PDB file of all heavy atoms in Angstrom:
ATOM      1  N   LEU A   1      13.554  -0.596  22.437  1.00  0.00           N
ATOM      2  CA  LEU A   1      12.706  -1.418  23.227  1.00  0.00           C
ATOM      3  C   LEU A   1      11.257  -1.514  22.729  1.00  0.00           C
ATOM      4  O   LEU A   1      10.571  -2.480  22.985  1.00  0.00           O
ATOM      5  CB  LEU A   1      12.656  -0.902  24.695  1.00  0.00           C
ATOM      6  CG  LEU A   1      13.988  -1.114  25.474  1.00  0.00           C
ATOM      7  CD1 LEU A   1      13.915  -0.277  26.730  1.00  0.00           C
ATOM      8  CD2 LEU A   1      14.040  -2.597  25.794  1.00  0.00           C
ATOM      9  N   ARG A   2      10.763  -0.441  22.028  1.00  0.00           N
ATOM     10  CA  ARG A   2       9.458  -0.530  21.327  1.00  0.00           C
ATOM     11  C   ARG A   2       9.510  -1.600  20.282  1.00  0.00           C
ATOM     12  O   ARG A   2       8.695  -2.475  20.241  1.00  0.00           O
ATOM     13  CB  ARG A   2       9.065   0.756  20.736  1.00  0.00           C
ATOM     14  CG  ARG A   2       7.728   0.697  19.962  1.00  0.00           C
ATOM     15  CD  ARG A   2       7.503   1.869  19.007  1.00  0.00           C
ATOM     16  NE  ARG A   2       8.449   1.730  17.801  1.00  0.00           N
ATOM     17  CZ  ARG A   2       8.210   1.017  16.814  1.00  0.00           C
ATOM     18  NH1 ARG A   2       7.117   0.234  16.739  1.00  0.00           N
ATOM     19  NH2 ARG A   2       9.001   0.989  15.798  1.00  0.00           N
ATOM     20  N   LEU A   3      10.554  -1.546  19.419  1.00  0.00           N
ATOM     21  CA  LEU A   3      10.614  -2.428  18.268  1.00  0.00           C
ATOM     22  C   LEU A   3      10.999  -3.926  18.639  1.00  0.00           C
ATOM     23  O   LEU A   3      10.564  -4.810  18.070  1.00  0.00           O
ATOM     24  CB  LEU A   3      11.659  -1.937  17.194  1.00  0.00           C
ATOM     25  CG  LEU A   3      11.647  -2.474  15.788  1.00  0.00           C
ATOM     26  CD1 LEU A   3      10.224  -2.434  15.152  1.00  0.00           C
ATOM     27  CD2 LEU A   3      12.604  -1.762  14.882  1.00  0.00           C
ATOM     28  N   TYR A   4      11.791  -3.967  19.713  1.00  0.00           N
ATOM     29  CA  TYR A   4      12.325  -5.337  20.136  1.00  0.00           C
ATOM     30  C   TYR A   4      12.107  -5.422  21.687  1.00  0.00           C
ATOM     31  O   TYR A   4      13.063  -5.470  22.358  1.00  0.00           O
ATOM     32  CB  TYR A   4      13.762  -5.363  19.748  1.00  0.00           C
ATOM     33  CG  TYR A   4      14.102  -5.141  18.321  1.00  0.00           C
ATOM     34  CD1 TYR A   4      14.680  -4.063  17.887  1.00  0.00           C
ATOM     35  CD2 TYR A   4      13.838  -6.180  17.430  1.00  0.00           C
ATOM     36  CE1 TYR A   4      14.986  -3.843  16.501  1.00  0.00           C
ATOM     37  CE2 TYR A   4      14.105  -6.103  16.055  1.00  0.00           C
ATOM     38  CZ  TYR A   4      14.758  -4.805  15.646  1.00  0.00           C
ATOM     39  OH  TYR A   4      15.019  -4.706  14.231  1.00  0.00           O
ATOM     40  N   PRO A   5      10.916  -5.510  22.137  1.00  0.00           N
ATOM     41  CA  PRO A   5      10.749  -5.714  23.522  1.00  0.00           C
ATOM     42  C   PRO A   5      11.286  -7.027  24.041  1.00  0.00           C
ATOM     43  O   PRO A   5      10.994  -8.116  23.360  1.00  0.00           O
ATOM     44  CB  PRO A   5       9.182  -5.617  23.791  1.00  0.00           C
ATOM     45  CG  PRO A   5       8.687  -6.016  22.464  1.00  0.00           C
ATOM     46  CD  PRO A   5       9.633  -5.600  21.449  1.00  0.00           C
ATOM     47  N   PRO A   6      12.115  -7.140  25.062  1.00  0.00           N
ATOM     48  CA  PRO A   6      12.690  -8.411  25.462  1.00  0.00           C
ATOM     49  C   PRO A   6      11.613  -9.466  25.669  1.00  0.00           C
ATOM     50  O   PRO A   6      11.798 -10.636  25.321  1.00  0.00           O
ATOM     51  CB  PRO A   6      13.498  -8.055  26.743  1.00  0.00           C
ATOM     52  CG  PRO A   6      13.741  -6.565  26.642  1.00  0.00           C
ATOM     53  CD  PRO A   6      12.643  -6.044  25.933  1.00  0.00           C
ATOM     54  N   LEU A   7      10.490  -9.093  26.415  1.00  0.00           N
ATOM     55  CA  LEU A   7       9.366 -10.064  26.594  1.00  0.00           C
ATOM     56  C   LEU A   7       8.188  -9.529  25.818  1.00  0.00           C
ATOM     57  O   LEU A   7       7.884  -8.354  25.727  1.00  0.00           O
ATOM     58  CB  LEU A   7       8.932 -10.015  28.059  1.00  0.00           C
ATOM     59  CG  LEU A   7       9.989 -10.791  29.065  1.00  0.00           C
ATOM     60  CD1 LEU A   7       9.551 -10.572  30.420  1.00  0.00           C
ATOM     61  CD2 LEU A   7      10.050 -12.301  28.739  1.00  0.00           C
ATOM     62  N   SER A   8       7.485 -10.486  25.243  1.00  0.00           N
ATOM     63  CA  SER A   8       6.378 -10.182  24.287  1.00  0.00           C
ATOM     64  C   SER A   8       5.097  -9.880  24.997  1.00  0.00           C
ATOM     65  O   SER A   8       4.156  -9.203  24.492  1.00  0.00           O
ATOM     66  CB  SER A   8       6.092 -11.277  23.280  1.00  0.00           C
ATOM     67  OG  SER A   8       5.692 -12.480  24.036  1.00  0.00           O
ATOM     68  N   ARG A   9       4.996 -10.201  26.379  1.00  0.00           N
ATOM     69  CA  ARG A   9       3.718  -9.971  27.061  1.00  0.00           C
ATOM     70  C   ARG A   9       3.992  -9.771  28.564  1.00  0.00           C
ATOM     71  O   ARG A   9       5.044 -10.094  29.109  1.00  0.00           O
ATOM     72  CB  ARG A   9       2.810 -11.163  26.880  1.00  0.00           C
ATOM     73  CG  ARG A   9       3.299 -12.455  27.287  1.00  0.00           C
ATOM     74  CD  ARG A   9       2.417 -13.593  26.867  1.00  0.00           C
ATOM     75  NE  ARG A   9       1.692 -14.154  28.078  1.00  0.00           N
ATOM     76  CZ  ARG A   9       0.985 -15.355  27.942  1.00  0.00           C
ATOM     77  NH1 ARG A   9       0.904 -15.958  26.810  1.00  0.00           N
ATOM     78  NH2 ARG A   9       0.441 -15.843  29.008  1.00  0.00           N
ATOM     79  N   ILE A  10       3.060  -9.233  29.196  1.00  0.00           N
ATOM     80  CA  ILE A  10       3.013  -9.034  30.713  1.00  0.00           C
ATOM     81  C   ILE A  10       1.984  -9.949  31.261  1.00  0.00           C
ATOM     82  O   ILE A  10       0.818  -9.889  30.766  1.00  0.00           O
ATOM     83  CB  ILE A  10       2.900  -7.556  31.045  1.00  0.00           C
ATOM     84  CG1 ILE A  10       3.926  -6.725  30.437  1.00  0.00           C
ATOM     85  CG2 ILE A  10       2.783  -7.346  32.552  1.00  0.00           C
ATOM     86  CD1 ILE A  10       3.551  -5.156  30.398  1.00  0.00           C
ATOM     87  N   ASP A  11       2.271 -10.691  32.300  1.00  0.00           N
ATOM     88  CA  ASP A  11       1.310 -11.566  32.952  1.00  0.00           C
ATOM     89  C   ASP A  11       0.957 -11.212  34.317  1.00  0.00           C
ATOM     90  O   ASP A  11       1.773 -10.793  35.105  1.00  0.00           O
ATOM     91  CB  ASP A  11       1.793 -13.001  32.853  1.00  0.00           C
ATOM     92  CG  ASP A  11       1.898 -13.596  31.502  1.00  0.00           C
ATOM     93  OD1 ASP A  11       0.845 -13.997  30.999  1.00  0.00           O
ATOM     94  OD2 ASP A  11       3.031 -13.628  30.909  1.00  0.00           O
ATOM     95  N   ARG A  12      -0.360 -11.368  34.647  1.00  0.00           N
ATOM     96  CA  ARG A  12      -0.767 -11.173  36.003  1.00  0.00           C
ATOM     97  C   ARG A  12      -1.822 -12.282  36.229  1.00  0.00           C
ATOM     98  O   ARG A  12      -2.361 -12.956  35.369  1.00  0.00           O
ATOM     99  CB  ARG A  12      -1.475  -9.804  36.183  1.00  0.00           C
ATOM    100  CG  ARG A  12      -0.539  -8.584  36.021  1.00  0.00           C
ATOM    101  CD  ARG A  12       0.304  -8.496  37.127  1.00  0.00           C
ATOM    102  NE  ARG A  12       1.115  -7.227  37.172  1.00  0.00           N
ATOM    103  CZ  ARG A  12       2.315  -7.156  36.528  1.00  0.00           C
ATOM    104  NH1 ARG A  12       2.872  -8.172  35.997  1.00  0.00           N
ATOM    105  NH2 ARG A  12       3.003  -5.979  36.581  1.00  0.00           N
ATOM    106  N   THR A  13      -2.164 -12.429  37.574  1.00  0.00           N
ATOM    107  CA  THR A  13      -3.235 -13.269  37.953  1.00  0.00           C
ATOM    108  C   THR A  13      -4.239 -12.456  38.881  1.00  0.00           C
ATOM    109  O   THR A  13      -3.891 -11.498  39.503  1.00  0.00           O
ATOM    110  CB  THR A  13      -2.762 -14.467  38.866  1.00  0.00           C
ATOM    111  OG1 THR A  13      -2.050 -14.024  39.906  1.00  0.00           O
ATOM    112  CG2 THR A  13      -1.888 -15.410  37.982  1.00  0.00           C
ATOM    113  N   VAL A  14      -5.491 -12.897  38.842  1.00  0.00           N
ATOM    114  CA  VAL A  14      -6.490 -12.165  39.525  1.00  0.00           C
ATOM    115  C   VAL A  14      -6.334 -12.541  41.053  1.00  0.00           C
ATOM    116  O   VAL A  14      -6.526 -13.799  41.375  1.00  0.00           O
ATOM    117  CB  VAL A  14      -7.934 -12.521  39.043  1.00  0.00           C
ATOM    118  CG1 VAL A  14      -8.988 -11.840  39.835  1.00  0.00           C
ATOM    119  CG2 VAL A  14      -8.034 -12.086  37.576  1.00  0.00           C
ATOM    120  N   THR A  15      -6.096 -11.607  41.918  1.00  0.00           N
ATOM    121  CA  THR A  15      -5.900 -11.911  43.322  1.00  0.00           C
ATOM    122  C   THR A  15      -7.235 -11.625  44.126  1.00  0.00           C
ATOM    123  O   THR A  15      -7.380 -12.160  45.213  1.00  0.00           O
ATOM    124  CB  THR A  15      -4.793 -11.059  43.859  1.00  0.00           C
ATOM    125  OG1 THR A  15      -4.978  -9.637  43.544  1.00  0.00           O
ATOM    126  CG2 THR A  15      -3.415 -11.575  43.311  1.00  0.00           C
ATOM    127  N   LYS A  16      -8.145 -10.794  43.501  1.00  0.00           N
ATOM    128  CA  LYS A  16      -9.433 -10.615  44.125  1.00  0.00           C
ATOM    129  C   LYS A  16     -10.380 -10.491  42.988  1.00  0.00           C
ATOM    130  O   LYS A  16     -10.173  -9.761  42.004  1.00  0.00           O
ATOM    131  CB  LYS A  16      -9.447  -9.262  44.958  1.00  0.00           C
ATOM    132  CG  LYS A  16      -8.672  -9.368  46.164  1.00  0.00           C
ATOM    133  CD  LYS A  16      -8.942  -8.224  47.126  1.00  0.00           C
ATOM    134  CE  LYS A  16      -8.454  -6.893  46.645  1.00  0.00           C
ATOM    135  NZ  LYS A  16      -8.564  -5.746  47.594  1.00  0.00           N
ATOM    136  N   PRO A  17     -11.562 -11.113  42.999  1.00  0.00           N
ATOM    137  CA  PRO A  17     -12.506 -11.095  41.975  1.00  0.00           C
ATOM    138  C   PRO A  17     -13.021  -9.684  41.626  1.00  0.00           C
ATOM    139  O   PRO A  17     -13.070  -8.899  42.527  1.00  0.00           O
ATOM    140  CB  PRO A  17     -13.735 -11.929  42.415  1.00  0.00           C
ATOM    141  CG  PRO A  17     -13.179 -12.825  43.485  1.00  0.00           C
ATOM    142  CD  PRO A  17     -12.031 -12.033  44.149  1.00  0.00           C
ATOM    143  N   ILE A  18     -13.191  -9.413  40.338  1.00  0.00           N
ATOM    144  CA  ILE A  18     -13.551  -8.090  39.964  1.00  0.00           C
ATOM    145  C   ILE A  18     -14.299  -8.162  38.534  1.00  0.00           C
ATOM    146  O   ILE A  18     -14.049  -9.167  37.850  1.00  0.00           O
ATOM    147  CB  ILE A  18     -12.296  -7.230  39.707  1.00  0.00           C
ATOM    148  CG1 ILE A  18     -12.581  -5.702  39.486  1.00  0.00           C
ATOM    149  CG2 ILE A  18     -11.343  -7.757  38.664  1.00  0.00           C
ATOM    150  CD1 ILE A  18     -11.434  -4.829  39.442  1.00  0.00           C
ATOM    151  N   ASP A  19     -15.129  -7.239  38.206  1.00  0.00           N
ATOM    152  CA  ASP A  19     -15.787  -7.167  36.954  1.00  0.00           C
ATOM    153  C   ASP A  19     -14.913  -6.195  36.160  1.00  0.00           C
ATOM    154  O   ASP A  19     -14.676  -5.011  36.528  1.00  0.00           O
ATOM    155  CB  ASP A  19     -17.155  -6.557  37.129  1.00  0.00           C
ATOM    156  CG  ASP A  19     -18.186  -7.712  37.541  1.00  0.00           C
ATOM    157  OD1 ASP A  19     -17.786  -8.775  37.624  1.00  0.00           O
ATOM    158  OD2 ASP A  19     -19.428  -7.340  37.622  1.00  0.00           O
ATOM    159  N   LEU A  20     -14.541  -6.671  35.010  1.00  0.00           N
ATOM    160  CA  LEU A  20     -13.750  -5.828  34.003  1.00  0.00           C
ATOM    161  C   LEU A  20     -14.507  -5.585  32.752  1.00  0.00           C
ATOM    162  O   LEU A  20     -14.721  -6.512  31.964  1.00  0.00           O
ATOM    163  CB  LEU A  20     -12.381  -6.485  33.771  1.00  0.00           C
ATOM    164  CG  LEU A  20     -11.411  -5.731  32.740  1.00  0.00           C
ATOM    165  CD1 LEU A  20     -10.853  -4.572  33.568  1.00  0.00           C
ATOM    166  CD2 LEU A  20     -10.330  -6.691  32.239  1.00  0.00           C
ATOM    167  N   ASN A  21     -15.055  -4.298  32.652  1.00  0.00           N
ATOM    168  CA  ASN A  21     -15.771  -3.982  31.415  1.00  0.00           C
ATOM    169  C   ASN A  21     -16.897  -4.989  31.207  1.00  0.00           C
ATOM    170  O   ASN A  21     -17.267  -5.341  30.047  1.00  0.00           O
ATOM    171  CB  ASN A  21     -14.895  -3.954  30.233  1.00  0.00           C
ATOM    172  CG  ASN A  21     -15.337  -2.996  29.087  1.00  0.00           C
ATOM    173  OD1 ASN A  21     -16.003  -1.955  29.434  1.00  0.00           O
ATOM    174  ND2 ASN A  21     -15.185  -3.405  27.901  1.00  0.00           N
ATOM    175  N   GLY A  22     -17.621  -5.392  32.315  1.00  0.00           N
ATOM    176  CA  GLY A  22     -18.743  -6.240  32.176  1.00  0.00           C
ATOM    177  C   GLY A  22     -18.468  -7.731  32.285  1.00  0.00           C
ATOM    178  O   GLY A  22     -19.390  -8.574  32.238  1.00  0.00           O
ATOM    179  N   LEU A  23     -17.159  -8.030  32.279  1.00  0.00           N
ATOM    180  CA  LEU A  23     -16.728  -9.508  32.340  1.00  0.00           C
ATOM    181  C   LEU A  23     -16.283  -9.846  33.814  1.00  0.00           C
ATOM    182  O   LEU A  23     -15.390  -9.178  34.359  1.00  0.00           O
ATOM    183  CB  LEU A  23     -15.505  -9.735  31.366  1.00  0.00           C
ATOM    184  CG  LEU A  23     -14.997 -11.207  31.313  1.00  0.00           C
ATOM    185  CD1 LEU A  23     -16.052 -12.169  30.856  1.00  0.00           C
ATOM    186  CD2 LEU A  23     -13.781 -11.248  30.527  1.00  0.00           C
ATOM    187  N   LYS A  24     -16.862 -10.862  34.376  1.00  0.00           N
ATOM    188  CA  LYS A  24     -16.501 -11.258  35.690  1.00  0.00           C
ATOM    189  C   LYS A  24     -15.208 -12.079  35.693  1.00  0.00           C
ATOM    190  O   LYS A  24     -15.064 -13.032  34.976  1.00  0.00           O
ATOM    191  CB  LYS A  24     -17.646 -12.090  36.343  1.00  0.00           C
ATOM    192  CG  LYS A  24     -17.380 -12.502  37.814  1.00  0.00           C
ATOM    193  CD  LYS A  24     -18.453 -13.281  38.441  1.00  0.00           C
ATOM    194  CE  LYS A  24     -18.161 -13.684  39.809  1.00  0.00           C
ATOM    195  NZ  LYS A  24     -19.154 -14.565  40.356  1.00  0.00           N
ATOM    196  N   LEU A  25     -14.233 -11.585  36.422  1.00  0.00           N
ATOM    197  CA  LEU A  25     -12.910 -12.260  36.577  1.00  0.00           C
ATOM    198  C   LEU A  25     -12.838 -12.957  37.938  1.00  0.00           C
ATOM    199  O   LEU A  25     -12.908 -12.185  38.923  1.00  0.00           O
ATOM    200  CB  LEU A  25     -11.755 -11.285  36.325  1.00  0.00           C
ATOM    201  CG  LEU A  25     -11.832 -10.529  34.949  1.00  0.00           C
ATOM    202  CD1 LEU A  25     -10.552  -9.681  34.925  1.00  0.00           C
ATOM    203  CD2 LEU A  25     -11.819 -11.480  33.807  1.00  0.00           C
ATOM    204  N   ASP A  26     -12.744 -14.211  37.924  1.00  0.00           N
ATOM    205  CA  ASP A  26     -12.586 -14.929  39.251  1.00  0.00           C
ATOM    206  C   ASP A  26     -11.182 -15.021  39.727  1.00  0.00           C
ATOM    207  O   ASP A  26     -10.171 -14.850  38.962  1.00  0.00           O
ATOM    208  CB  ASP A  26     -13.194 -16.386  39.028  1.00  0.00           C
ATOM    209  CG  ASP A  26     -14.656 -16.274  38.650  1.00  0.00           C
ATOM    210  OD1 ASP A  26     -15.366 -15.483  39.272  1.00  0.00           O
ATOM    211  OD2 ASP A  26     -15.046 -17.161  37.775  1.00  0.00           O
ATOM    212  N   TYR A  27     -11.125 -15.402  40.976  1.00  0.00           N
ATOM    213  CA  TYR A  27      -9.725 -15.552  41.610  1.00  0.00           C
ATOM    214  C   TYR A  27      -8.881 -16.495  40.818  1.00  0.00           C
ATOM    215  O   TYR A  27      -9.382 -17.563  40.449  1.00  0.00           O
ATOM    216  CB  TYR A  27      -9.990 -16.071  43.133  1.00  0.00           C
ATOM    217  CG  TYR A  27      -8.692 -16.343  43.709  1.00  0.00           C
ATOM    218  CD1 TYR A  27      -7.791 -15.474  44.233  1.00  0.00           C
ATOM    219  CD2 TYR A  27      -8.256 -17.790  43.907  1.00  0.00           C
ATOM    220  CE1 TYR A  27      -6.592 -15.750  44.812  1.00  0.00           C
ATOM    221  CE2 TYR A  27      -7.094 -18.098  44.525  1.00  0.00           C
ATOM    222  CZ  TYR A  27      -6.231 -17.070  44.972  1.00  0.00           C
ATOM    223  OH  TYR A  27      -5.098 -17.489  45.526  1.00  0.00           O
ATOM    224  N   ASN A  28      -7.642 -16.135  40.680  1.00  0.00           N
ATOM    225  CA  ASN A  28      -6.606 -17.002  40.069  1.00  0.00           C
ATOM    226  C   ASN A  28      -6.661 -17.084  38.504  1.00  0.00           C
ATOM    227  O   ASN A  28      -5.947 -17.779  37.919  1.00  0.00           O
ATOM    228  CB  ASN A  28      -6.569 -18.377  40.685  1.00  0.00           C
ATOM    229  CG  ASN A  28      -5.209 -18.961  40.696  1.00  0.00           C
ATOM    230  OD1 ASN A  28      -4.204 -18.294  40.801  1.00  0.00           O
ATOM    231  ND2 ASN A  28      -5.078 -20.308  40.439  1.00  0.00           N
ATOM    232  N   MET A  29      -7.589 -16.272  37.926  1.00  0.00           N
ATOM    233  CA  MET A  29      -7.671 -16.262  36.439  1.00  0.00           C
ATOM    234  C   MET A  29      -6.408 -15.600  35.886  1.00  0.00           C
ATOM    235  O   MET A  29      -5.882 -14.646  36.441  1.00  0.00           O
ATOM    236  CB  MET A  29      -8.887 -15.516  35.959  1.00  0.00           C
ATOM    237  CG  MET A  29      -9.150 -15.637  34.477  1.00  0.00           C
ATOM    238  SD  MET A  29     -10.644 -14.813  33.934  1.00  0.00           S
ATOM    239  CE  MET A  29     -11.860 -15.948  34.527  1.00  0.00           C
ATOM    240  N   ARG A  30      -5.916 -16.079  34.804  1.00  0.00           N
ATOM    241  CA  ARG A  30      -4.691 -15.587  34.244  1.00  0.00           C
ATOM    242  C   ARG A  30      -4.991 -14.386  33.226  1.00  0.00           C
ATOM    243  O   ARG A  30      -5.864 -14.587  32.345  1.00  0.00           O
ATOM    244  CB  ARG A  30      -4.037 -16.671  33.401  1.00  0.00           C
ATOM    245  CG  ARG A  30      -2.670 -16.282  32.827  1.00  0.00           C
ATOM    246  CD  ARG A  30      -1.518 -16.246  33.888  1.00  0.00           C
ATOM    247  NE  ARG A  30      -1.259 -17.437  34.567  1.00  0.00           N
ATOM    248  CZ  ARG A  30      -0.460 -18.503  34.167  1.00  0.00           C
ATOM    249  NH1 ARG A  30       0.141 -18.290  33.086  1.00  0.00           N
ATOM    250  NH2 ARG A  30      -0.309 -19.526  34.853  1.00  0.00           N
ATOM    251  N   ILE A  31      -4.222 -13.292  33.391  1.00  0.00           N
ATOM    252  CA  ILE A  31      -4.398 -12.174  32.575  1.00  0.00           C
ATOM    253  C   ILE A  31      -3.093 -11.949  31.828  1.00  0.00           C
ATOM    254  O   ILE A  31      -2.024 -12.100  32.399  1.00  0.00           O
ATOM    255  CB  ILE A  31      -4.769 -10.881  33.359  1.00  0.00           C
ATOM    256  CG1 ILE A  31      -5.958 -11.125  34.276  1.00  0.00           C
ATOM    257  CG2 ILE A  31      -4.963  -9.691  32.493  1.00  0.00           C
ATOM    258  CD1 ILE A  31      -7.201 -11.395  33.489  1.00  0.00           C
ATOM    259  N   ALA A  32      -3.172 -11.522  30.504  1.00  0.00           N
ATOM    260  CA  ALA A  32      -1.980 -11.257  29.766  1.00  0.00           C
ATOM    261  C   ALA A  32      -2.109  -9.926  28.959  1.00  0.00           C
ATOM    262  O   ALA A  32      -3.274  -9.659  28.505  1.00  0.00           O
ATOM    263  CB  ALA A  32      -1.592 -12.388  28.693  1.00  0.00           C
ATOM    264  N   ILE A  33      -1.134  -9.202  28.833  1.00  0.00           N
ATOM    265  CA  ILE A  33      -1.101  -7.915  28.133  1.00  0.00           C
ATOM    266  C   ILE A  33      -0.134  -8.029  27.054  1.00  0.00           C
ATOM    267  O   ILE A  33       1.145  -8.182  27.282  1.00  0.00           O
ATOM    268  CB  ILE A  33      -0.752  -6.728  29.080  1.00  0.00           C
ATOM    269  CG1 ILE A  33      -1.821  -6.565  30.146  1.00  0.00           C
ATOM    270  CG2 ILE A  33      -0.693  -5.374  28.275  1.00  0.00           C
ATOM    271  CD1 ILE A  33      -1.448  -5.666  31.246  1.00  0.00           C
ATOM    272  N   PRO A  34      -0.550  -7.959  25.770  1.00  0.00           N
ATOM    273  CA  PRO A  34       0.395  -8.269  24.621  1.00  0.00           C
ATOM    274  C   PRO A  34       1.231  -7.020  24.283  1.00  0.00           C
ATOM    275  O   PRO A  34       1.082  -6.295  23.248  1.00  0.00           O
ATOM    276  CB  PRO A  34      -0.558  -8.547  23.534  1.00  0.00           C
ATOM    277  CG  PRO A  34      -1.782  -7.752  23.808  1.00  0.00           C
ATOM    278  CD  PRO A  34      -1.896  -7.704  25.296  1.00  0.00           C
ATOM    279  N   ALA A  35       2.321  -6.837  25.020  1.00  0.00           N
ATOM    280  CA  ALA A  35       3.223  -5.659  24.774  1.00  0.00           C
ATOM    281  C   ALA A  35       3.719  -5.657  23.417  1.00  0.00           C
ATOM    282  O   ALA A  35       3.707  -4.556  22.712  1.00  0.00           O
ATOM    283  CB  ALA A  35       4.255  -5.697  25.815  1.00  0.00           C
ATOM    284  N   SER A  36       4.154  -6.797  22.892  1.00  0.00           N
ATOM    285  CA  SER A  36       4.731  -6.770  21.568  1.00  0.00           C
ATOM    286  C   SER A  36       3.647  -6.299  20.560  1.00  0.00           C
ATOM    287  O   SER A  36       3.960  -5.663  19.504  1.00  0.00           O
ATOM    288  CB  SER A  36       5.208  -8.215  21.217  1.00  0.00           C
ATOM    289  OG  SER A  36       5.838  -8.225  19.970  1.00  0.00           O
ATOM    290  N   GLY A  37       2.404  -6.741  20.681  1.00  0.00           N
ATOM    291  CA  GLY A  37       1.380  -6.398  19.746  1.00  0.00           C
ATOM    292  C   GLY A  37       1.162  -4.880  19.794  1.00  0.00           C
ATOM    293  O   GLY A  37       1.018  -4.178  18.762  1.00  0.00           O
ATOM    294  N   LEU A  38       0.944  -4.385  20.965  1.00  0.00           N
ATOM    295  CA  LEU A  38       0.792  -2.889  21.167  1.00  0.00           C
ATOM    296  C   LEU A  38       1.965  -2.155  20.559  1.00  0.00           C
ATOM    297  O   LEU A  38       1.741  -1.074  19.905  1.00  0.00           O
ATOM    298  CB  LEU A  38       0.754  -2.540  22.664  1.00  0.00           C
ATOM    299  CG  LEU A  38      -0.559  -3.075  23.352  1.00  0.00           C
ATOM    300  CD1 LEU A  38      -0.342  -3.052  24.955  1.00  0.00           C
ATOM    301  CD2 LEU A  38      -1.759  -2.223  23.088  1.00  0.00           C
ATOM    302  N   HIS A  39       3.218  -2.561  20.771  1.00  0.00           N
ATOM    303  CA  HIS A  39       4.384  -1.812  20.197  1.00  0.00           C
ATOM    304  C   HIS A  39       4.482  -1.798  18.708  1.00  0.00           C
ATOM    305  O   HIS A  39       5.165  -1.011  18.142  1.00  0.00           O
ATOM    306  CB  HIS A  39       5.607  -2.591  20.829  1.00  0.00           C
ATOM    307  CG  HIS A  39       5.920  -2.258  22.185  1.00  0.00           C
ATOM    308  ND1 HIS A  39       7.129  -2.592  22.783  1.00  0.00           N
ATOM    309  CD2 HIS A  39       5.110  -1.778  23.201  1.00  0.00           C
ATOM    310  CE1 HIS A  39       7.037  -2.213  24.134  1.00  0.00           C
ATOM    311  NE2 HIS A  39       5.779  -1.767  24.383  1.00  0.00           N
ATOM    312  N   HIS A  40       3.794  -2.791  18.060  1.00  0.00           N
ATOM    313  CA  HIS A  40       3.768  -2.823  16.652  1.00  0.00           C
ATOM    314  C   HIS A  40       2.479  -2.413  15.969  1.00  0.00           C
ATOM    315  O   HIS A  40       2.207  -2.611  14.813  1.00  0.00           O
ATOM    316  CB  HIS A  40       4.113  -4.228  16.133  1.00  0.00           C
ATOM    317  CG  HIS A  40       5.550  -4.595  16.422  1.00  0.00           C
ATOM    318  ND1 HIS A  40       5.946  -5.050  17.683  1.00  0.00           N
ATOM    319  CD2 HIS A  40       6.654  -4.561  15.639  1.00  0.00           C
ATOM    320  CE1 HIS A  40       7.286  -5.258  17.619  1.00  0.00           C
ATOM    321  NE2 HIS A  40       7.737  -5.018  16.378  1.00  0.00           N
ATOM    322  N   ASP A  41       1.612  -1.721  16.739  1.00  0.00           N
ATOM    323  CA  ASP A  41       0.315  -1.346  16.259  1.00  0.00           C
ATOM    324  C   ASP A  41       0.416   0.049  15.477  1.00  0.00           C
ATOM    325  O   ASP A  41       0.816   1.026  16.059  1.00  0.00           O
ATOM    326  CB  ASP A  41      -0.643  -1.110  17.399  1.00  0.00           C
ATOM    327  CG  ASP A  41      -2.160  -0.980  17.055  1.00  0.00           C
ATOM    328  OD1 ASP A  41      -2.310  -0.535  15.838  1.00  0.00           O
ATOM    329  OD2 ASP A  41      -3.060  -1.332  17.755  1.00  0.00           O
TER     330      ASP A  41
END
C-alpha cells in the first residue's frame, strides 16, 4: 500500500474558516494531501 496506494491523494473541504501556518483558509476551499508523493519520498 505504500508503494501502490489505491488513491493518490486525500481530499477535504474547509467547513469552518481557519488560519493554517499563517495562510487564511476560507469556507469551502479545497484541500488535498498528496499521499502518493509522501509514500515515494
